[in-house]
Amino acid sequence: MVSIQPELWVEQAAAALTSYRDAFGARVVHCVDDPDSVVKSAVDAGAVATSPVGDEHGWRLGRVVDSFGHEWEVGKPMAGWPPP
Protein backbone atom coordinates (compact mmCIF):
# COMPACT_ATOMS: atom_id res chain seq x y z
CA MET A 1 0.00 0.00 0.00
CA VAL A 2 1.18 3.51 -0.81
CA SER A 3 -0.02 6.56 1.08
CA ILE A 4 0.52 10.27 0.58
CA GLN A 5 -0.11 13.26 2.76
CA PRO A 6 -0.57 16.36 0.68
CA GLU A 7 0.28 19.44 2.67
CA LEU A 8 0.65 23.04 1.61
CA TRP A 9 1.87 25.94 3.67
CA VAL A 10 0.99 29.22 1.96
CA GLU A 11 0.91 32.84 3.05
CA GLN A 12 -2.31 33.78 1.22
CA ALA A 13 -4.38 30.65 1.80
CA ALA A 14 -7.76 32.05 0.70
CA ALA A 15 -6.36 33.36 -2.59
CA ALA A 16 -4.40 30.14 -3.14
CA LEU A 17 -7.50 28.01 -2.57
CA THR A 18 -9.47 30.10 -5.04
CA SER A 19 -6.69 29.72 -7.60
CA TYR A 20 -6.42 25.95 -7.03
CA ARG A 21 -10.18 25.59 -7.28
CA ASP A 22 -10.27 27.48 -10.58
CA ALA A 23 -7.19 25.81 -12.05
CA PHE A 24 -7.55 22.24 -10.78
CA GLY A 25 -11.07 21.84 -9.43
CA ALA A 26 -9.66 21.57 -5.89
CA ARG A 27 -12.04 21.81 -2.96
CA VAL A 28 -11.85 22.19 0.79
CA VAL A 29 -13.34 19.10 2.34
CA HIS A 30 -13.60 20.18 5.96
CA CYS A 31 -12.53 23.10 8.09
CA VAL A 32 -12.24 22.49 11.83
CA ASP A 33 -13.22 25.12 14.37
CA ASP A 34 -12.80 22.94 17.48
CA PRO A 35 -10.08 20.27 17.24
CA ASP A 36 -10.85 19.04 20.77
CA SER A 37 -14.44 18.08 19.95
CA VAL A 38 -13.52 16.63 16.53
CA VAL A 39 -10.84 14.38 18.04
CA LYS A 40 -13.22 13.35 20.85
CA SER A 41 -15.91 12.54 18.30
CA ALA A 42 -13.44 10.49 16.26
CA VAL A 43 -12.35 8.54 19.36
CA ASP A 44 -15.98 7.98 20.35
CA ALA A 45 -16.51 6.54 16.85
CA GLY A 46 -13.63 4.08 17.25
CA ALA A 47 -10.50 6.00 16.27
CA VAL A 48 -7.40 5.75 18.46
CA ALA A 49 -5.78 8.97 19.66
CA THR A 50 -2.07 8.81 18.84
CA SER A 51 -1.37 12.33 20.09
CA PRO A 52 -3.78 14.11 22.44
CA VAL A 53 -4.99 17.55 21.45
CA GLY A 54 -2.59 20.22 22.63
CA ASP A 55 -0.84 23.40 21.64
CA GLU A 56 2.06 22.75 19.29
CA HIS A 57 4.07 25.21 17.19
CA GLY A 58 1.26 27.77 17.05
CA TRP A 59 -1.45 25.18 16.41
CA ARG A 60 -4.12 23.52 18.52
CA LEU A 61 -3.97 19.95 17.18
CA GLY A 62 -4.24 16.26 17.87
CA ARG A 63 -3.77 13.06 15.90
CA VAL A 64 -5.90 9.94 15.55
CA VAL A 65 -5.84 6.72 13.56
CA ASP A 66 -9.27 5.72 12.27
CA SER A 67 -10.66 2.18 12.11
CA PHE A 68 -9.29 1.81 8.57
CA GLY A 69 -5.74 2.62 9.69
CA HIS A 70 -5.72 6.14 8.22
CA GLU A 71 -3.89 8.78 10.23
CA TRP A 72 -5.57 12.14 10.77
CA GLU A 73 -4.06 15.34 12.09
CA VAL A 74 -6.85 17.63 13.25
CA GLY A 75 -6.06 21.19 14.13
CA LYS A 76 -6.34 24.89 13.59
CA PRO A 77 -3.95 27.81 14.01
CA MET A 78 -3.98 29.43 17.42
CA ALA A 79 -4.89 33.10 17.76
CA GLY A 80 -2.01 35.30 16.68
CA TRP A 81 -0.39 32.65 14.48
CA PRO A 82 1.66 33.12 12.45
CA PRO A 83 3.58 35.77 14.36
CA PRO A 84 4.13 39.11 12.62
PDB file of N, CA and C in Angstrom:
ATOM      1  N   MET A   1       0.839  -1.180   0.000  1.00  0.00           N
ATOM      2  CA  MET A   1       0.000   0.000   0.000  1.00  0.00           C
ATOM      3  C   MET A   1       0.884   1.243   0.000  1.00  0.00           C
ATOM      4  N   VAL A   2       0.476   2.244  -0.745  1.00  0.00           N
ATOM      5  CA  VAL A   2       1.183   3.515  -0.808  1.00  0.00           C
ATOM      6  C   VAL A   2       0.260   4.587  -0.249  1.00  0.00           C
ATOM      7  N   SER A   3       0.794   5.464   0.570  1.00  0.00           N
ATOM      8  CA  SER A   3      -0.015   6.560   1.079  1.00  0.00           C
ATOM      9  C   SER A   3       0.720   7.869   0.867  1.00  0.00           C
ATOM     10  N   ILE A   4      -0.051   8.933   0.726  1.00  0.00           N
ATOM     11  CA  ILE A   4       0.521  10.267   0.585  1.00  0.00           C
ATOM     12  C   ILE A   4      -0.184  11.197   1.558  1.00  0.00           C
ATOM     13  N   GLN A   5       0.492  12.243   1.913  1.00  0.00           N
ATOM     14  CA  GLN A   5      -0.106  13.263   2.760  1.00  0.00           C
ATOM     15  C   GLN A   5       0.160  14.600   2.106  1.00  0.00           C
ATOM     16  N   PRO A   6      -0.785  15.060   1.284  1.00  0.00           N
ATOM     17  CA  PRO A   6      -0.571  16.361   0.679  1.00  0.00           C
ATOM     18  C   PRO A   6      -0.664  17.454   1.737  1.00  0.00           C
ATOM     19  N   GLU A   7       0.253  18.380   1.685  1.00  0.00           N
ATOM     20  CA  GLU A   7       0.280  19.441   2.672  1.00  0.00           C
ATOM     21  C   GLU A   7       0.874  20.678   2.034  1.00  0.00           C
ATOM     22  N   LEU A   8       0.168  21.779   2.143  1.00  0.00           N
ATOM     23  CA  LEU A   8       0.650  23.045   1.609  1.00  0.00           C
ATOM     24  C   LEU A   8       0.700  24.068   2.733  1.00  0.00           C
ATOM     25  N   TRP A   9       1.754  24.834   2.741  1.00  0.00           N
ATOM     26  CA  TRP A   9       1.872  25.944   3.671  1.00  0.00           C
ATOM     27  C   TRP A   9       2.009  27.190   2.813  1.00  0.00           C
ATOM     28  N   VAL A  10       0.975  28.031   2.814  1.00  0.00           N
ATOM     29  CA  VAL A  10       0.990  29.217   1.965  1.00  0.00           C
ATOM     30  C   VAL A  10       0.639  30.451   2.785  1.00  0.00           C
ATOM     31  N   GLU A  11       1.164  31.573   2.361  1.00  0.00           N
ATOM     32  CA  GLU A  11       0.908  32.842   3.046  1.00  0.00           C
ATOM     33  C   GLU A  11      -0.514  33.345   2.801  1.00  0.00           C
ATOM     34  N   GLN A  12      -0.990  33.251   1.582  1.00  0.00           N
ATOM     35  CA  GLN A  12      -2.306  33.781   1.219  1.00  0.00           C
ATOM     36  C   GLN A  12      -3.243  32.615   0.918  1.00  0.00           C
ATOM     37  N   ALA A  13      -3.632  31.905   1.963  1.00  0.00           N
ATOM     38  CA  ALA A  13      -4.380  30.653   1.804  1.00  0.00           C
ATOM     39  C   ALA A  13      -5.690  30.842   1.045  1.00  0.00           C
ATOM     40  N   ALA A  14      -6.462  31.863   1.364  1.00  0.00           N
ATOM     41  CA  ALA A  14      -7.756  32.048   0.701  1.00  0.00           C
ATOM     42  C   ALA A  14      -7.574  32.263  -0.802  1.00  0.00           C
ATOM     43  N   ALA A  15      -6.620  33.110  -1.165  1.00  0.00           N
ATOM     44  CA  ALA A  15      -6.357  33.364  -2.589  1.00  0.00           C
ATOM     45  C   ALA A  15      -5.819  32.109  -3.268  1.00  0.00           C
ATOM     46  N   ALA A  16      -4.951  31.372  -2.569  1.00  0.00           N
ATOM     47  CA  ALA A  16      -4.404  30.143  -3.139  1.00  0.00           C
ATOM     48  C   ALA A  16      -5.508  29.121  -3.371  1.00  0.00           C
ATOM     49  N   LEU A  17      -6.407  28.963  -2.397  1.00  0.00           N
ATOM     50  CA  LEU A  17      -7.496  28.014  -2.565  1.00  0.00           C
ATOM     51  C   LEU A  17      -8.390  28.383  -3.734  1.00  0.00           C
ATOM     52  N   THR A  18      -8.668  29.660  -3.896  1.00  0.00           N
ATOM     53  CA  THR A  18      -9.468  30.100  -5.039  1.00  0.00           C
ATOM     54  C   THR A  18      -8.764  29.759  -6.343  1.00  0.00           C
ATOM     55  N   SER A  19      -7.469  30.025  -6.399  1.00  0.00           N
ATOM     56  CA  SER A  19      -6.690  29.716  -7.596  1.00  0.00           C
ATOM     57  C   SER A  19      -6.681  28.218  -7.879  1.00  0.00           C
ATOM     58  N   TYR A  20      -6.458  27.401  -6.842  1.00  0.00           N
ATOM     59  CA  TYR A  20      -6.416  25.947  -7.029  1.00  0.00           C
ATOM     60  C   TYR A  20      -7.783  25.409  -7.434  1.00  0.00           C
ATOM     61  N   ARG A  21      -8.829  26.000  -6.886  1.00  0.00           N
ATOM     62  CA  ARG A  21     -10.178  25.593  -7.281  1.00  0.00           C
ATOM     63  C   ARG A  21     -10.405  25.875  -8.759  1.00  0.00           C
ATOM     64  N   ASP A  22     -10.054  27.092  -9.191  1.00  0.00           N
ATOM     65  CA  ASP A  22     -10.267  27.482 -10.580  1.00  0.00           C
ATOM     66  C   ASP A  22      -9.380  26.696 -11.545  1.00  0.00           C
ATOM     67  N   ALA A  23      -8.144  26.473 -11.159  1.00  0.00           N
ATOM     68  CA  ALA A  23      -7.194  25.806 -12.051  1.00  0.00           C
ATOM     69  C   ALA A  23      -7.351  24.289 -12.065  1.00  0.00           C
ATOM     70  N   PHE A  24      -7.597  23.696 -10.895  1.00  0.00           N
ATOM     71  CA  PHE A  24      -7.549  22.240 -10.776  1.00  0.00           C
ATOM     72  C   PHE A  24      -8.845  21.592 -10.306  1.00  0.00           C
ATOM     73  N   GLY A  25      -9.836  22.411  -9.973  1.00  0.00           N
ATOM     74  CA  GLY A  25     -11.068  21.844  -9.428  1.00  0.00           C
ATOM     75  C   GLY A  25     -10.928  21.412  -7.981  1.00  0.00           C
ATOM     76  N   ALA A  26      -9.905  21.935  -7.295  1.00  0.00           N
ATOM     77  CA  ALA A  26      -9.662  21.574  -5.893  1.00  0.00           C
ATOM     78  C   ALA A  26     -10.821  22.056  -5.022  1.00  0.00           C
ATOM     79  N   ARG A  27     -10.990  21.390  -3.886  1.00  0.00           N
ATOM     80  CA  ARG A  27     -12.036  21.814  -2.956  1.00  0.00           C
ATOM     81  C   ARG A  27     -11.595  21.563  -1.525  1.00  0.00           C
ATOM     82  N   VAL A  28     -12.100  22.375  -0.635  1.00  0.00           N
ATOM     83  CA  VAL A  28     -11.852  22.194   0.788  1.00  0.00           C
ATOM     84  C   VAL A  28     -12.892  21.196   1.281  1.00  0.00           C
ATOM     85  N   VAL A  29     -12.418  20.146   1.896  1.00  0.00           N
ATOM     86  CA  VAL A  29     -13.335  19.104   2.343  1.00  0.00           C
ATOM     87  C   VAL A  29     -13.926  19.441   3.702  1.00  0.00           C
ATOM     88  N   HIS A  30     -13.097  19.909   4.619  1.00  0.00           N
ATOM     89  CA  HIS A  30     -13.597  20.178   5.958  1.00  0.00           C
ATOM     90  C   HIS A  30     -12.678  21.161   6.669  1.00  0.00           C
ATOM     91  N   CYS A  31     -13.278  22.168   7.255  1.00  0.00           N
ATOM     92  CA  CYS A  31     -12.531  23.105   8.091  1.00  0.00           C
ATOM     93  C   CYS A  31     -12.940  22.846   9.537  1.00  0.00           C
ATOM     94  N   VAL A  32     -11.997  22.816  10.425  1.00  0.00           N
ATOM     95  CA  VAL A  32     -12.239  22.490  11.825  1.00  0.00           C
ATOM     96  C   VAL A  32     -12.165  23.745  12.676  1.00  0.00           C
ATOM     97  N   ASP A  33     -13.227  24.001  13.444  1.00  0.00           N
ATOM     98  CA  ASP A  33     -13.223  25.122  14.374  1.00  0.00           C
ATOM     99  C   ASP A  33     -12.796  24.693  15.776  1.00  0.00           C
ATOM    100  N   ASP A  34     -13.062  23.426  16.125  1.00  0.00           N
ATOM    101  CA  ASP A  34     -12.804  22.941  17.479  1.00  0.00           C
ATOM    102  C   ASP A  34     -12.129  21.571  17.431  1.00  0.00           C
ATOM    103  N   PRO A  35     -10.787  21.549  17.328  1.00  0.00           N
ATOM    104  CA  PRO A  35     -10.078  20.270  17.240  1.00  0.00           C
ATOM    105  C   PRO A  35     -10.374  19.329  18.407  1.00  0.00           C
ATOM    106  N   ASP A  36     -10.576  19.881  19.598  1.00  0.00           N
ATOM    107  CA  ASP A  36     -10.851  19.044  20.766  1.00  0.00           C
ATOM    108  C   ASP A  36     -12.102  18.197  20.563  1.00  0.00           C
ATOM    109  N   SER A  37     -13.190  18.832  20.110  1.00  0.00           N
ATOM    110  CA  SER A  37     -14.439  18.085  19.953  1.00  0.00           C
ATOM    111  C   SER A  37     -14.379  17.138  18.753  1.00  0.00           C
ATOM    112  N   VAL A  38     -13.639  17.511  17.696  1.00  0.00           N
ATOM    113  CA  VAL A  38     -13.520  16.625  16.534  1.00  0.00           C
ATOM    114  C   VAL A  38     -12.727  15.376  16.904  1.00  0.00           C
ATOM    115  N   VAL A  39     -11.630  15.533  17.624  1.00  0.00           N
ATOM    116  CA  VAL A  39     -10.840  14.377  18.042  1.00  0.00           C
ATOM    117  C   VAL A  39     -11.653  13.502  18.997  1.00  0.00           C
ATOM    118  N   LYS A  40     -12.384  14.112  19.931  1.00  0.00           N
ATOM    119  CA  LYS A  40     -13.224  13.345  20.852  1.00  0.00           C
ATOM    120  C   LYS A  40     -14.271  12.567  20.081  1.00  0.00           C
ATOM    121  N   SER A  41     -14.903  13.207  19.116  1.00  0.00           N
ATOM    122  CA  SER A  41     -15.914  12.536  18.300  1.00  0.00           C
ATOM    123  C   SER A  41     -15.316  11.366  17.533  1.00  0.00           C
ATOM    124  N   ALA A  42     -14.113  11.559  16.990  1.00  0.00           N
ATOM    125  CA  ALA A  42     -13.441  10.485  16.256  1.00  0.00           C
ATOM    126  C   ALA A  42     -13.141   9.309  17.187  1.00  0.00           C
ATOM    127  N   VAL A  43     -12.651   9.595  18.393  1.00  0.00           N
ATOM    128  CA  VAL A  43     -12.345   8.537  19.362  1.00  0.00           C
ATOM    129  C   VAL A  43     -13.632   7.822  19.775  1.00  0.00           C
ATOM    130  N   ASP A  44     -14.695   8.590  19.997  1.00  0.00           N
ATOM    131  CA  ASP A  44     -15.983   7.983  20.345  1.00  0.00           C
ATOM    132  C   ASP A  44     -16.491   7.068  19.234  1.00  0.00           C
ATOM    133  N   ALA A  45     -16.096   7.351  17.994  1.00  0.00           N
ATOM    134  CA  ALA A  45     -16.515   6.543  16.846  1.00  0.00           C
ATOM    135  C   ALA A  45     -15.563   5.387  16.566  1.00  0.00           C
ATOM    136  N   GLY A  46     -14.524   5.224  17.398  1.00  0.00           N
ATOM    137  CA  GLY A  46     -13.633   4.084  17.246  1.00  0.00           C
ATOM    138  C   GLY A  46     -12.206   4.389  16.851  1.00  0.00           C
ATOM    139  N   ALA A  47     -11.886   5.646  16.597  1.00  0.00           N
ATOM    140  CA  ALA A  47     -10.502   6.001  16.272  1.00  0.00           C
ATOM    141  C   ALA A  47      -9.643   5.907  17.534  1.00  0.00           C
ATOM    142  N   VAL A  48      -8.339   5.799  17.339  1.00  0.00           N
ATOM    143  CA  VAL A  48      -7.398   5.746  18.455  1.00  0.00           C
ATOM    144  C   VAL A  48      -6.575   7.028  18.445  1.00  0.00           C
ATOM    145  N   ALA A  49      -6.578   7.741  19.557  1.00  0.00           N
ATOM    146  CA  ALA A  49      -5.779   8.971  19.657  1.00  0.00           C
ATOM    147  C   ALA A  49      -4.305   8.588  19.750  1.00  0.00           C
ATOM    148  N   THR A  50      -3.513   9.075  18.805  1.00  0.00           N
ATOM    149  CA  THR A  50      -2.071   8.815  18.836  1.00  0.00           C
ATOM    150  C   THR A  50      -1.308   9.992  19.414  1.00  0.00           C
ATOM    151  N   SER A  51      -1.945  11.150  19.458  1.00  0.00           N
ATOM    152  CA  SER A  51      -1.372  12.333  20.087  1.00  0.00           C
ATOM    153  C   SER A  51      -2.539  13.158  20.604  1.00  0.00           C
ATOM    154  N   PRO A  52      -2.653  13.353  21.911  1.00  0.00           N
ATOM    155  CA  PRO A  52      -3.777  14.111  22.443  1.00  0.00           C
ATOM    156  C   PRO A  52      -3.750  15.553  21.933  1.00  0.00           C
ATOM    157  N   VAL A  53      -4.906  16.162  21.905  1.00  0.00           N
ATOM    158  CA  VAL A  53      -4.989  17.549  21.451  1.00  0.00           C
ATOM    159  C   VAL A  53      -4.210  18.433  22.411  1.00  0.00           C
ATOM    160  N   GLY A  54      -3.384  19.293  21.841  1.00  0.00           N
ATOM    161  CA  GLY A  54      -2.590  20.217  22.626  1.00  0.00           C
ATOM    162  C   GLY A  54      -2.098  21.356  21.758  1.00  0.00           C
ATOM    163  N   ASP A  55      -1.386  22.256  22.356  1.00  0.00           N
ATOM    164  CA  ASP A  55      -0.837  23.404  21.644  1.00  0.00           C
ATOM    165  C   ASP A  55       0.566  23.057  21.173  1.00  0.00           C
ATOM    166  N   GLU A  56       0.785  23.166  19.866  1.00  0.00           N
ATOM    167  CA  GLU A  56       2.056  22.751  19.287  1.00  0.00           C
ATOM    168  C   GLU A  56       2.435  23.666  18.128  1.00  0.00           C
ATOM    169  N   HIS A  57       3.524  24.371  18.265  1.00  0.00           N
ATOM    170  CA  HIS A  57       4.067  25.206  17.194  1.00  0.00           C
ATOM    171  C   HIS A  57       3.033  26.179  16.625  1.00  0.00           C
ATOM    172  N   GLY A  58       2.243  26.797  17.498  1.00  0.00           N
ATOM    173  CA  GLY A  58       1.255  27.770  17.052  1.00  0.00           C
ATOM    174  C   GLY A  58      -0.056  27.162  16.600  1.00  0.00           C
ATOM    175  N   TRP A  59      -0.221  25.873  16.806  1.00  0.00           N
ATOM    176  CA  TRP A  59      -1.452  25.179  16.406  1.00  0.00           C
ATOM    177  C   TRP A  59      -2.071  24.478  17.600  1.00  0.00           C
ATOM    178  N   ARG A  60      -3.379  24.372  17.598  1.00  0.00           N
ATOM    179  CA  ARG A  60      -4.121  23.515  18.519  1.00  0.00           C
ATOM    180  C   ARG A  60      -4.424  22.265  17.704  1.00  0.00           C
ATOM    181  N   LEU A  61      -3.769  21.136  18.016  1.00  0.00           N
ATOM    182  CA  LEU A  61      -3.970  19.953  17.183  1.00  0.00           C
ATOM    183  C   LEU A  61      -3.781  18.656  17.939  1.00  0.00           C
ATOM    184  N   GLY A  62      -4.367  17.620  17.362  1.00  0.00           N
ATOM    185  CA  GLY A  62      -4.238  16.264  17.872  1.00  0.00           C
ATOM    186  C   GLY A  62      -4.216  15.309  16.698  1.00  0.00           C
ATOM    187  N   ARG A  63      -3.874  14.062  16.970  1.00  0.00           N
ATOM    188  CA  ARG A  63      -3.772  13.063  15.900  1.00  0.00           C
ATOM    189  C   ARG A  63      -4.520  11.798  16.305  1.00  0.00           C
ATOM    190  N   VAL A  64      -5.193  11.200  15.329  1.00  0.00           N
ATOM    191  CA  VAL A  64      -5.896   9.936  15.548  1.00  0.00           C
ATOM    192  C   VAL A  64      -5.638   9.000  14.374  1.00  0.00           C
ATOM    193  N   VAL A  65      -5.840   7.716  14.617  1.00  0.00           N
ATOM    194  CA  VAL A  65      -5.843   6.720  13.559  1.00  0.00           C
ATOM    195  C   VAL A  65      -7.253   6.145  13.533  1.00  0.00           C
ATOM    196  N   ASP A  66      -7.903   6.210  12.357  1.00  0.00           N
ATOM    197  CA  ASP A  66      -9.275   5.716  12.269  1.00  0.00           C
ATOM    198  C   ASP A  66      -9.304   4.196  12.149  1.00  0.00           C
ATOM    199  N   SER A  67     -10.508   3.634  12.114  1.00  0.00           N
ATOM    200  CA  SER A  67     -10.658   2.182  12.107  1.00  0.00           C
ATOM    201  C   SER A  67     -10.164   1.533  10.821  1.00  0.00           C
ATOM    202  N   PHE A  68      -9.838   2.337   9.809  1.00  0.00           N
ATOM    203  CA  PHE A  68      -9.286   1.814   8.566  1.00  0.00           C
ATOM    204  C   PHE A  68      -7.759   1.935   8.527  1.00  0.00           C
ATOM    205  N   GLY A  69      -7.191   2.465   9.614  1.00  0.00           N
ATOM    206  CA  GLY A  69      -5.743   2.623   9.687  1.00  0.00           C
ATOM    207  C   GLY A  69      -5.231   3.928   9.119  1.00  0.00           C
ATOM    208  N   HIS A  70      -6.134   4.853   8.758  1.00  0.00           N
ATOM    209  CA  HIS A  70      -5.718   6.144   8.215  1.00  0.00           C
ATOM    210  C   HIS A  70      -5.404   7.110   9.358  1.00  0.00           C
ATOM    211  N   GLU A  71      -4.297   7.815   9.221  1.00  0.00           N
ATOM    212  CA  GLU A  71      -3.889   8.779  10.227  1.00  0.00           C
ATOM    213  C   GLU A  71      -4.479  10.149   9.892  1.00  0.00           C
ATOM    214  N   TRP A  72      -4.984  10.806  10.915  1.00  0.00           N
ATOM    215  CA  TRP A  72      -5.569  12.137  10.767  1.00  0.00           C
ATOM    216  C   TRP A  72      -4.891  13.095  11.734  1.00  0.00           C
ATOM    217  N   GLU A  73      -4.527  14.258  11.232  1.00  0.00           N
ATOM    218  CA  GLU A  73      -4.064  15.345  12.087  1.00  0.00           C
ATOM    219  C   GLU A  73      -5.153  16.401  12.027  1.00  0.00           C
ATOM    220  N   VAL A  74      -5.727  16.709  13.169  1.00  0.00           N
ATOM    221  CA  VAL A  74      -6.854  17.631  13.246  1.00  0.00           C
ATOM    222  C   VAL A  74      -6.409  18.851  14.023  1.00  0.00           C
ATOM    223  N   GLY A  75      -6.497  20.011  13.408  1.00  0.00           N
ATOM    224  CA  GLY A  75      -6.058  21.193  14.128  1.00  0.00           C
ATOM    225  C   GLY A  75      -6.456  22.482  13.456  1.00  0.00           C
ATOM    226  N   LYS A  76      -6.134  23.544  14.137  1.00  0.00           N
ATOM    227  CA  LYS A  76      -6.340  24.887  13.595  1.00  0.00           C
ATOM    228  C   LYS A  76      -5.277  25.804  14.186  1.00  0.00           C
ATOM    229  N   PRO A  77      -4.941  26.875  13.465  1.00  0.00           N
ATOM    230  CA  PRO A  77      -3.949  27.806  14.009  1.00  0.00           C
ATOM    231  C   PRO A  77      -4.482  28.487  15.264  1.00  0.00           C
ATOM    232  N   MET A  78      -3.603  28.708  16.215  1.00  0.00           N
ATOM    233  CA  MET A  78      -3.983  29.427  17.422  1.00  0.00           C
ATOM    234  C   MET A  78      -4.044  30.914  17.115  1.00  0.00           C
ATOM    235  N   ALA A  79      -4.769  31.648  17.936  1.00  0.00           N
ATOM    236  CA  ALA A  79      -4.888  33.095  17.756  1.00  0.00           C
ATOM    237  C   ALA A  79      -3.499  33.712  17.721  1.00  0.00           C
ATOM    238  N   GLY A  80      -3.294  34.607  16.787  1.00  0.00           N
ATOM    239  CA  GLY A  80      -2.012  35.297  16.684  1.00  0.00           C
ATOM    240  C   GLY A  80      -0.951  34.537  15.899  1.00  0.00           C
ATOM    241  N   TRP A  81      -1.340  33.430  15.254  1.00  0.00           N
ATOM    242  CA  TRP A  81      -0.388  32.648  14.478  1.00  0.00           C
ATOM    243  C   TRP A  81      -0.677  32.843  13.006  1.00  0.00           C
ATOM    244  N   PRO A  82       0.245  33.050  12.156  1.00  0.00           N
ATOM    245  CA  PRO A  82       1.664  33.122  12.448  1.00  0.00           C
ATOM    246  C   PRO A  82       2.033  34.461  13.060  1.00  0.00           C
ATOM    247  N   PRO A  83       3.163  34.504  13.754  1.00  0.00           N
ATOM    248  CA  PRO A  83       3.578  35.773  14.363  1.00  0.00           C
ATOM    249  C   PRO A  83       3.932  36.792  13.283  1.00  0.00           C
ATOM    250  N   PRO A  84       3.822  38.072  13.628  1.00  0.00           N
ATOM    251  CA  PRO A  84       4.131  39.113  12.623  1.00  0.00           C
ATOM    252  C   PRO A  84       5.594  39.106  12.202  1.00  0.00           C
TER     253      PRO A  84
END
